Amino acid sequence: MPHARGGTRLDGQRRVGACAAVSGRRQVTVPGYPASSLRDPLWQGSWPDAVELGGVADEFWQRIAVHGLLVPSSWLGQGWPALWGRSFGH
């Protein structure tokens, strides 16, 4: 089903191309257990990896404002809470 602002909604996640938004537009809080914030040291410490994968730090907050936090849809086989729980545990 098309989403009003682009992308589609599948399984409660807003899809944007091959990505899915796991947090809302302009949201700093990331859902899941444990809940976190994009300003937390865990997320901020991932910048070297994100840049290596093609992320552009200067565009990050603007993209969060427009799309929310995006992850590849292929990562969400069992949903964001399962992925976040596994990632946080390692």
C-alpha atoms as a PDB file:
ATOM      1  CA  MET A   1       0.000   0.000   0.000  1.00  0.00           C
ATOM      2  CA  PRO A   2       1.545   3.373  -0.960  1.00  0.00           C
ATOM      3  CA  HIS A   3       2.468   5.704   1.857  1.00  0.00           C
ATOM      4  CA  ALA A   4       1.288   9.328   1.687  1.00  0.00           C
ATOM      5  CA  ARG A   5       4.850  10.679   1.741  1.00  0.00           C
ATOM      6  CA  GLY A   6       6.510   8.099  -0.475  1.00  0.00           C
ATOM      7  CA  GLY A   7       7.483   4.517   0.090  1.00  0.00           C
ATOM      8  CA  THR A   8       5.114   1.807   1.277  1.00  0.00           C
ATOM      9  CA  ARG A   9       4.037   0.407   4.621  1.00  0.00           C
ATOM     10  CA  LEU A  10       4.753  -3.256   5.206  1.00  0.00           C
ATOM     11  CA  ASP A  11       4.688  -4.951   8.609  1.00  0.00           C
ATOM     12  CA  GLY A  12       4.377  -1.582  10.355  1.00  0.00           C
ATOM     13  CA  GLN A  13       7.575  -0.199   8.807  1.00  0.00           C
ATOM     14  CA  ARG A  14       7.633   2.602   6.257  1.00  0.00           C
ATOM     15  CA  ARG A  15       9.593   1.371   3.217  1.00  0.00           C
ATOM     16  CA  VAL A  16      11.715   3.799   1.216  1.00  0.00           C
ATOM     17  CA  GLY A  17      13.110   1.969  -1.797  1.00  0.00           C
ATOM     18  CA  ALA A  18      15.217  -0.897  -0.479  1.00  0.00           C
ATOM     19  CA  CYS A  19      15.215   0.661   3.010  1.00  0.00           C
ATOM     20  CA  ALA A  20      12.765   0.814   5.886  1.00  0.00           C
ATOM     21  CA  ALA A  21      12.332   3.588   8.439  1.00  0.00           C
ATOM     22  CA  VAL A  22      12.653   2.218  11.969  1.00  0.00           C
ATOM     23  CA  SER A  23      12.048   5.577  13.641  1.00  0.00           C
ATOM     24  CA  GLY A  24       9.825   8.463  12.693  1.00  0.00           C
ATOM     25  CA  ARG A  25      10.830  11.630  10.940  1.00  0.00           C
ATOM     26  CA  ARG A  26      12.671  14.045  13.240  1.00  0.00           C
ATOM     27  CA  GLN A  27      12.769  11.377  15.980  1.00  0.00           C
ATOM     28  CA  VAL A  28      15.943  10.996  18.038  1.00  0.00           C
ATOM     29  CA  THR A  29      14.598   8.089  20.090  1.00  0.00           C
ATOM     30  CA  VAL A  30      15.113   4.686  18.518  1.00  0.00           C
ATOM     31  CA  PRO A  31      12.502   2.077  19.451  1.00  0.00           C
ATOM     32  CA  GLY A  32      13.421  -1.337  20.765  1.00  0.00           C
ATOM     33  CA  TYR A  33      14.749  -2.957  23.868  1.00  0.00           C
ATOM     34  CA  PRO A  34      16.656  -1.302  25.237  1.00  0.00           C
ATOM     35  CA  ALA A  35      15.350   2.011  23.970  1.00  0.00           C
ATOM     36  CA  SER A  36      18.096   4.327  22.813  1.00  0.00           C
ATOM     37  CA  SER A  37      18.770   7.721  21.332  1.00  0.00           C
ATOM     38  CA  LEU A  38      20.715   8.616  18.206  1.00  0.00           C
ATOM     39  CA  ARG A  39      22.732  10.869  20.511  1.00  0.00           C
ATOM     40  CA  ASP A  40      23.817   7.951  22.750  1.00  0.00           C
ATOM     41  CA  PRO A  41      27.521   7.010  22.713  1.00  0.00           C
ATOM     42  CA  LEU A  42      26.648   3.626  21.162  1.00  0.00           C
ATOM     43  CA  TRP A  43      25.157   5.273  18.078  1.00  0.00           C
ATOM     44  CA  GLN A  44      27.723   8.072  17.926  1.00  0.00           C
ATOM     45  CA  GLY A  45      30.528   5.513  18.127  1.00  0.00           C
ATOM     46  CA  SER A  46      29.302   3.905  14.917  1.00  0.00           C
ATOM     47  CA  TRP A  47      30.241   6.909  12.759  1.00  0.00           C
ATOM     48  CA  PRO A  48      33.544   5.452  11.470  1.00  0.00           C
ATOM     49  CA  ASP A  49      31.706   2.345  10.234  1.00  0.00           C
ATOM     50  CA  ALA A  50      28.831   4.388   8.794  1.00  0.00           C
ATOM     51  CA  VAL A  51      31.228   6.624   6.849  1.00  0.00           C
ATOM     52  CA  GLU A  52      33.121   3.569   5.586  1.00  0.00           C
ATOM     53  CA  LEU A  53      29.804   2.215   4.274  1.00  0.00           C
ATOM     54  CA  GLY A  54      29.041   5.499   2.484  1.00  0.00           C
ATOM     55  CA  GLY A  55      27.293   7.542   5.169  1.00  0.00           C
ATOM     56  CA  VAL A  56      27.760  11.312   5.028  1.00  0.00           C
ATOM     57  CA  ALA A  57      27.924  12.827   8.503  1.00  0.00           C
ATOM     58  CA  ASP A  58      27.052  16.343   7.307  1.00  0.00           C
ATOM     59  CA  GLU A  59      23.733  15.076   5.877  1.00  0.00           C
ATOM     60  CA  PHE A  60      22.698  12.791   8.733  1.00  0.00           C
ATOM     61  CA  TRP A  61      20.340  15.030  10.730  1.00  0.00           C
ATOM     62  CA  GLN A  62      18.728  16.437   7.595  1.00  0.00           C
ATOM     63  CA  ARG A  63      17.997  12.887   6.407  1.00  0.00           C
ATOM     64  CA  ILE A  64      16.606  11.933   9.839  1.00  0.00           C
ATOM     65  CA  ALA A  65      14.281  14.939   9.578  1.00  0.00           C
ATOM     66  CA  VAL A  66      13.031  13.832   6.153  1.00  0.00           C
ATOM     67  CA  HIS A  67      13.010  10.024   6.402  1.00  0.00           C
ATOM     68  CA  GLY A  68      13.676   8.909   9.970  1.00  0.00           C
ATOM     69  CA  LEU A  69      16.359   6.306  10.676  1.00  0.00           C
ATOM     70  CA  LEU A  70      16.636   4.038   7.638  1.00  0.00           C
ATOM     71  CA  VAL A  71      18.075   0.528   7.512  1.00  0.00           C
ATOM     72  CA  PRO A  72      18.181  -1.913   4.594  1.00  0.00           C
ATOM     73  CA  SER A  73      14.847  -3.745   4.384  1.00  0.00           C
ATOM     74  CA  SER A  74      16.735  -7.017   3.980  1.00  0.00           C
ATOM     75  CA  TRP A  75      18.001  -6.648   7.572  1.00  0.00           C
ATOM     76  CA  LEU A  76      14.473  -6.750   8.971  1.00  0.00           C
ATOM     77  CA  GLY A  77      13.511 -10.371   8.400  1.00  0.00           C
ATOM     78  CA  GLN A  78      12.157 -10.641  11.954  1.00  0.00           C
ATOM     79  CA  GLY A  79      11.628  -6.915  12.455  1.00  0.00           C
ATOM     80  CA  TRP A  80      13.558  -4.079  14.004  1.00  0.00           C
ATOM     81  CA  PRO A  81      13.178  -5.182  17.663  1.00  0.00           C
ATOM     82  CA  ALA A  82      14.808  -8.545  16.871  1.00  0.00           C
ATOM     83  CA  LEU A  83      17.643  -6.939  14.893  1.00  0.00           C
ATOM     84  CA  TRP A  84      18.275  -4.297  17.558  1.00  0.00           C
ATOM     85  CA  GLY A  85      18.204  -6.891  20.323  1.00  0.00           C
ATOM     86  CA  ARG A  86      20.777  -9.033  18.523  1.00  0.00           C
ATOM     87  CA  SER A  87      22.973  -6.036  17.690  1.00  0.00           C
ATOM     88  CA  PHE A  88      22.855  -4.652  21.202  1.00  0.00           C
ATOM     89  CA  GLY A  89      23.722  -8.038  22.680  1.00  0.00           C
ATOM     90  CA  HIS A  90      26.970  -8.330  20.687  1.00  0.00           C
END
